[in-house]
Amino acid sequence: MKLYKPSFLSAIIYVCYLTLTACSFIAYANDNQKQLTLATTQWCPYTCVSQGDKGNLIGKYLSDILAKHNIHLSVQSYPWARAVRLAENKTVDGLLTATHAEAPNLSFTEHPIANFQVCFYSHQASHWRYQSPLRLDNLTLGVIKGYGYQKEIDDYVSFNQSSEKIISLSGDQGLLRLIAMLKKQRVDVIVADKLVLNWQAKSNRLDLTGIRNVGCTAAQPFYLALNSDLPELHTFLNILNNEFVLPENQKKLEKLIEQYSF
């Protein structure tokens, strides 16, 4: 027994040493972990924080990328106009997704995260079809306030925003309300990203009978945008630009998007 006790005590001391070393390493790693806080809105399935990984595919994609560089991503959701304002006011570090038209004062990644495709939807009885250049004559167009759709559409909305031709809604339920208005024919045409509208229809078990796709614009890129005064702006942008062009990351994102292509 006299030989066993010192050996047992040594083992305990050694285990404690390993535990303390591991804890110290974890504490050191956590202390040196960088934080990036980005604002977004309920743009399911691209950015839908309330749905977790199921409906926040861009958040998940970027979290995995940044984790490799010891950067923790925190995503906060707001109505879109407020999200942009918070990023511009430096309350948050930037926007999880954005187009240049939506936040021209921010610094964008050189390479896009992904593409979105905007389509027009009308009631079954309508004979209108989308053609470029966009012309709606006396038809009303329903949009989400502050969204950047595509230059042609954005210019049309900006030019007609003071008229009765544009019905602009805000808030996280904006698209659902626009769909309801279209079904009731209180608006003639609405515009939405194809993946987003499909998500909303499936998730909310919407009956889209009587609503049809009447044409889409070309797919458009969206980016991650950061506040230009962020201390490590160029470090973050370099990391993201390098990661976005990697074939393995692009394949990973394609697989994530396929889950929501109903």
Protein backbone atom coordinates (compact mmCIF):
# COMPACT_ATOMS: atom_id res chain seq x y z
CA MET A 1 0.00 0.00 0.00
CA LYS A 2 2.85 2.36 0.67
CA LEU A 3 3.96 2.07 -2.95
CA TYR A 4 0.40 2.46 -4.33
CA LYS A 5 -0.59 5.66 -2.57
CA PRO A 6 2.14 7.88 -4.06
CA SER A 7 1.45 6.43 -7.51
CA PHE A 8 -2.28 7.07 -7.15
CA LEU A 9 -1.61 10.58 -5.83
CA SER A 10 0.68 11.27 -8.76
CA ALA A 11 -1.98 10.16 -11.17
CA ILE A 12 -4.49 12.51 -9.56
CA ILE A 13 -2.04 15.39 -9.75
CA TYR A 14 -1.31 14.61 -13.40
CA VAL A 15 -5.01 14.51 -14.30
CA CYS A 16 -5.57 17.82 -12.53
CA TYR A 17 -2.63 19.28 -14.41
CA LEU A 18 -4.08 18.19 -17.74
CA THR A 19 -7.50 19.56 -16.78
CA LEU A 20 -6.09 22.92 -15.76
CA THR A 21 -3.99 23.08 -18.92
CA ALA A 22 -7.04 22.32 -21.08
CA CYS A 23 -9.13 24.90 -19.24
CA SER A 24 -6.37 27.48 -19.63
CA PHE A 25 -6.14 26.73 -23.34
CA ILE A 26 -9.91 27.05 -23.79
CA ALA A 27 -9.94 30.32 -21.84
CA TYR A 28 -7.05 31.61 -23.95
CA ALA A 29 -8.82 30.60 -27.16
CA ASN A 30 -12.07 32.24 -26.04
CA ASP A 31 -10.21 35.41 -25.04
CA ASN A 32 -8.65 35.59 -28.50
CA GLN A 33 -11.83 34.74 -30.39
CA LYS A 34 -13.04 37.62 -32.51
CA GLN A 35 -16.69 38.62 -32.68
CA LEU A 36 -18.64 39.80 -35.72
CA THR A 37 -22.18 41.07 -35.15
CA LEU A 38 -24.33 41.41 -38.24
CA ALA A 39 -27.90 42.57 -38.70
CA THR A 40 -30.39 40.96 -41.01
CA THR A 41 -34.12 40.59 -41.48
CA GLN A 42 -36.59 37.73 -41.80
CA TRP A 43 -35.65 36.69 -45.33
CA CYS A 44 -36.36 32.98 -45.11
CA PRO A 45 -34.74 30.71 -46.00
CA TYR A 46 -31.66 32.86 -46.61
CA THR A 47 -31.68 34.68 -43.26
CA CYS A 48 -34.35 33.59 -40.84
CA VAL A 49 -32.82 33.64 -37.37
CA SER A 50 -35.98 32.50 -35.60
CA GLN A 51 -35.88 29.24 -37.58
CA GLY A 52 -32.33 28.34 -36.53
CA ASP A 53 -30.27 26.39 -39.07
CA LYS A 54 -33.48 25.23 -40.77
CA GLY A 55 -34.25 28.67 -42.18
CA ASN A 56 -31.03 30.61 -41.80
CA LEU A 57 -28.90 28.98 -44.47
CA ILE A 58 -26.64 32.01 -45.05
CA GLY A 59 -26.13 32.41 -41.31
CA LYS A 60 -25.15 28.75 -40.99
CA TYR A 61 -22.90 28.93 -44.04
CA LEU A 62 -21.02 31.98 -42.75
CA SER A 63 -20.82 30.71 -39.17
CA ASP A 64 -19.02 27.60 -40.39
CA ILE A 65 -16.64 29.66 -42.53
CA LEU A 66 -15.77 32.15 -39.79
CA ALA A 67 -15.39 29.46 -37.12
CA LYS A 68 -12.36 28.17 -39.05
CA HIS A 69 -10.74 31.55 -38.38
CA ASN A 70 -11.75 31.68 -34.70
CA ILE A 71 -14.41 34.30 -35.41
CA HIS A 72 -17.80 33.98 -33.74
CA LEU A 73 -20.74 35.21 -35.80
CA SER A 74 -23.68 36.79 -33.99
CA VAL A 75 -26.74 37.54 -36.12
CA GLN A 76 -29.50 39.89 -35.01
CA SER A 77 -32.81 40.20 -36.83
CA TYR A 78 -34.77 43.43 -37.39
CA PRO A 79 -37.17 44.90 -39.94
CA TRP A 80 -34.98 45.53 -42.98
CA ALA A 81 -34.97 49.33 -42.97
CA ARG A 82 -33.90 49.31 -39.31
CA ALA A 83 -31.20 46.69 -39.95
CA VAL A 84 -29.63 48.93 -42.59
CA ARG A 85 -29.83 51.94 -40.29
CA LEU A 86 -28.15 50.06 -37.42
CA ALA A 87 -25.30 49.00 -39.70
CA GLU A 88 -24.81 52.52 -41.00
CA ASN A 89 -24.94 53.93 -37.45
CA LYS A 90 -22.26 51.40 -36.31
CA THR A 91 -24.60 49.82 -33.75
CA VAL A 92 -23.75 46.51 -35.45
CA ASP A 93 -20.72 45.59 -37.56
CA GLY A 94 -22.63 45.22 -40.80
CA LEU A 95 -25.29 43.33 -42.74
CA LEU A 96 -25.39 39.58 -43.23
CA THR A 97 -26.71 40.03 -46.77
CA ALA A 98 -27.15 43.14 -48.88
CA THR A 99 -26.94 44.62 -52.34
CA HIS A 100 -24.99 47.77 -53.12
CA ALA A 101 -28.20 49.69 -53.76
CA GLU A 102 -29.55 48.87 -50.30
CA ALA A 103 -26.56 50.12 -48.30
CA PRO A 104 -24.22 52.19 -50.49
CA ASN A 105 -22.35 53.60 -47.47
CA LEU A 106 -21.06 50.19 -46.33
CA SER A 107 -18.02 48.22 -47.51
CA PHE A 108 -18.95 45.12 -49.48
CA THR A 109 -17.16 41.87 -50.07
CA GLU A 110 -15.64 41.72 -53.53
CA HIS A 111 -17.22 38.35 -54.22
CA PRO A 112 -20.93 37.66 -53.64
CA ILE A 113 -22.18 35.14 -51.12
CA ALA A 114 -24.79 33.81 -53.52
CA ASN A 115 -27.42 34.84 -56.06
CA PHE A 116 -31.11 35.55 -55.73
CA GLN A 117 -33.73 35.70 -58.44
CA VAL A 118 -36.63 38.11 -58.36
CA CYS A 119 -39.91 37.12 -59.99
CA PHE A 120 -43.26 38.80 -60.51
CA TYR A 121 -46.54 37.25 -59.41
CA SER A 122 -50.03 38.24 -60.41
CA HIS A 123 -53.55 36.93 -60.08
CA GLN A 124 -54.52 34.17 -62.49
CA ALA A 125 -56.97 36.46 -64.26
CA SER A 126 -54.32 39.04 -65.15
CA HIS A 127 -52.92 39.14 -68.69
CA TRP A 128 -49.83 41.11 -67.68
CA ARG A 129 -46.41 39.54 -68.20
CA TYR A 130 -43.02 40.86 -67.19
CA GLN A 131 -40.84 42.22 -69.96
CA SER A 132 -37.82 44.46 -69.77
CA PRO A 133 -37.95 47.42 -69.57
CA LEU A 134 -40.47 47.15 -66.76
CA ARG A 135 -43.83 48.71 -67.53
CA LEU A 136 -46.92 48.26 -65.40
CA ASP A 137 -49.08 51.01 -66.90
CA ASN A 138 -51.87 51.55 -64.35
CA LEU A 139 -51.29 48.32 -62.39
CA THR A 140 -50.23 48.52 -58.75
CA LEU A 141 -46.99 46.85 -57.64
CA GLY A 142 -46.55 45.51 -54.11
CA VAL A 143 -43.03 45.68 -52.63
CA ILE A 144 -41.21 45.46 -49.30
CA LYS A 145 -40.03 48.85 -48.10
CA GLY A 146 -36.28 49.34 -48.38
CA TYR A 147 -35.55 46.10 -50.25
CA GLY A 148 -33.12 46.12 -53.14
CA TYR A 149 -34.67 43.88 -55.80
CA GLN A 150 -32.85 44.66 -59.01
CA LYS A 151 -31.83 47.98 -60.53
CA GLU A 152 -34.64 48.09 -63.05
CA ILE A 153 -37.23 47.39 -60.34
CA ASP A 154 -35.59 49.66 -57.78
CA ASP A 155 -35.56 52.54 -60.27
CA TYR A 156 -39.23 51.96 -61.10
CA VAL A 157 -40.18 51.92 -57.40
CA SER A 158 -38.12 55.03 -56.68
CA PHE A 159 -39.68 56.94 -59.59
CA ASN A 160 -43.25 55.97 -58.64
CA GLN A 161 -42.99 55.78 -54.86
CA SER A 162 -45.15 58.85 -54.32
CA SER A 163 -47.91 57.58 -56.55
CA GLU A 164 -50.67 55.05 -56.04
CA LYS A 165 -48.83 52.62 -58.33
CA ILE A 166 -46.61 51.41 -55.47
CA ILE A 167 -47.86 49.66 -52.34
CA SER A 168 -44.95 49.42 -49.92
CA LEU A 169 -45.11 47.31 -46.76
CA SER A 170 -42.59 46.92 -43.94
CA GLY A 171 -42.04 44.43 -41.14
CA ASP A 172 -41.14 40.75 -40.95
CA GLN A 173 -44.57 39.69 -42.28
CA GLY A 174 -44.44 42.00 -45.28
CA LEU A 175 -44.36 39.30 -47.95
CA LEU A 176 -47.13 37.27 -46.32
CA ARG A 177 -49.29 40.37 -46.27
CA LEU A 178 -48.51 41.10 -49.91
CA ILE A 179 -49.48 37.54 -50.88
CA ALA A 180 -52.76 37.94 -48.99
CA MET A 181 -53.41 41.26 -50.72
CA LEU A 182 -52.72 39.69 -54.12
CA LYS A 183 -55.13 36.81 -53.44
CA LYS A 184 -57.80 39.38 -52.57
CA GLN A 185 -56.82 41.42 -55.67
CA ARG A 186 -56.06 44.48 -53.55
CA VAL A 187 -52.76 44.72 -55.43
CA ASP A 188 -52.21 43.74 -59.07
CA VAL A 189 -48.63 42.45 -59.02
CA ILE A 190 -46.12 41.61 -56.31
CA VAL A 191 -42.40 41.01 -56.63
CA ALA A 192 -40.37 38.56 -54.55
CA ASP A 193 -37.39 36.28 -54.61
CA LYS A 194 -38.48 32.90 -55.98
CA LEU A 195 -36.89 30.87 -53.17
CA VAL A 196 -38.34 33.16 -50.50
CA LEU A 197 -41.88 32.98 -51.86
CA ASN A 198 -41.66 29.18 -52.14
CA TRP A 199 -40.45 28.99 -48.55
CA GLN A 200 -43.28 31.18 -47.28
CA ALA A 201 -45.88 29.17 -49.18
CA LYS A 202 -44.61 25.82 -47.87
CA SER A 203 -43.88 26.93 -44.29
CA ASN A 204 -47.23 28.66 -43.85
CA ARG A 205 -49.22 26.14 -45.90
CA LEU A 206 -50.46 28.88 -48.16
CA ASP A 207 -52.86 28.05 -50.94
CA LEU A 208 -51.42 29.78 -53.99
CA THR A 209 -54.25 28.73 -56.26
CA GLY A 210 -55.04 31.66 -58.49
CA ILE A 211 -51.52 33.14 -58.21
CA ARG A 212 -48.97 32.56 -60.92
CA ASN A 213 -45.41 33.47 -61.80
CA VAL A 214 -45.51 35.97 -64.67
CA GLY A 215 -41.79 36.34 -65.32
CA CYS A 216 -38.41 36.63 -63.62
CA THR A 217 -35.41 38.92 -63.90
CA ALA A 218 -31.90 37.56 -64.33
CA ALA A 219 -30.33 36.14 -61.17
CA GLN A 220 -28.57 38.83 -59.12
CA PRO A 221 -25.72 38.57 -56.58
CA PHE A 222 -25.92 39.58 -52.95
CA TYR A 223 -23.00 40.30 -50.65
CA LEU A 224 -21.93 40.69 -47.04
CA ALA A 225 -21.51 44.36 -46.10
CA LEU A 226 -19.49 45.79 -43.21
CA ASN A 227 -19.24 49.20 -41.61
CA SER A 228 -16.37 51.08 -43.22
CA ASP A 229 -15.00 52.15 -39.81
CA LEU A 230 -14.75 48.61 -38.44
CA PRO A 231 -11.23 48.28 -36.90
CA GLU A 232 -10.46 44.97 -38.62
CA LEU A 233 -12.45 45.67 -41.76
CA HIS A 234 -9.79 44.56 -44.24
CA THR A 235 -8.99 41.41 -42.25
CA PHE A 236 -12.62 40.32 -42.31
CA LEU A 237 -13.07 41.20 -45.98
CA ASN A 238 -9.92 39.32 -47.01
CA ILE A 239 -11.02 36.22 -45.12
CA LEU A 240 -14.50 36.28 -46.64
CA ASN A 241 -13.35 37.00 -50.18
CA ASN A 242 -10.89 34.11 -50.07
CA GLU A 243 -13.48 31.72 -48.63
CA PHE A 244 -16.33 32.66 -50.97
CA VAL A 245 -14.41 31.58 -54.08
CA LEU A 246 -13.35 28.17 -52.76
CA PRO A 247 -15.07 25.42 -54.79
CA GLU A 248 -15.78 23.33 -51.68
CA ASN A 249 -17.62 26.25 -50.07
CA GLN A 250 -19.63 26.93 -53.22
CA LYS A 251 -20.67 23.26 -53.37
CA LYS A 252 -21.63 23.36 -49.70
CA LEU A 253 -23.84 26.40 -50.27
CA GLU A 254 -25.47 24.77 -53.29
CA LYS A 255 -26.44 21.78 -51.16
CA LEU A 256 -27.90 24.07 -48.50
CA ILE A 257 -29.97 25.94 -51.09
CA GLU A 258 -31.23 22.72 -52.67
CA GLN A 259 -32.98 21.87 -49.40
CA TYR A 260 -35.28 24.87 -49.88
CA SER A 261 -35.93 24.65 -53.62
CA PHE A 262 -39.49 23.38 -53.36
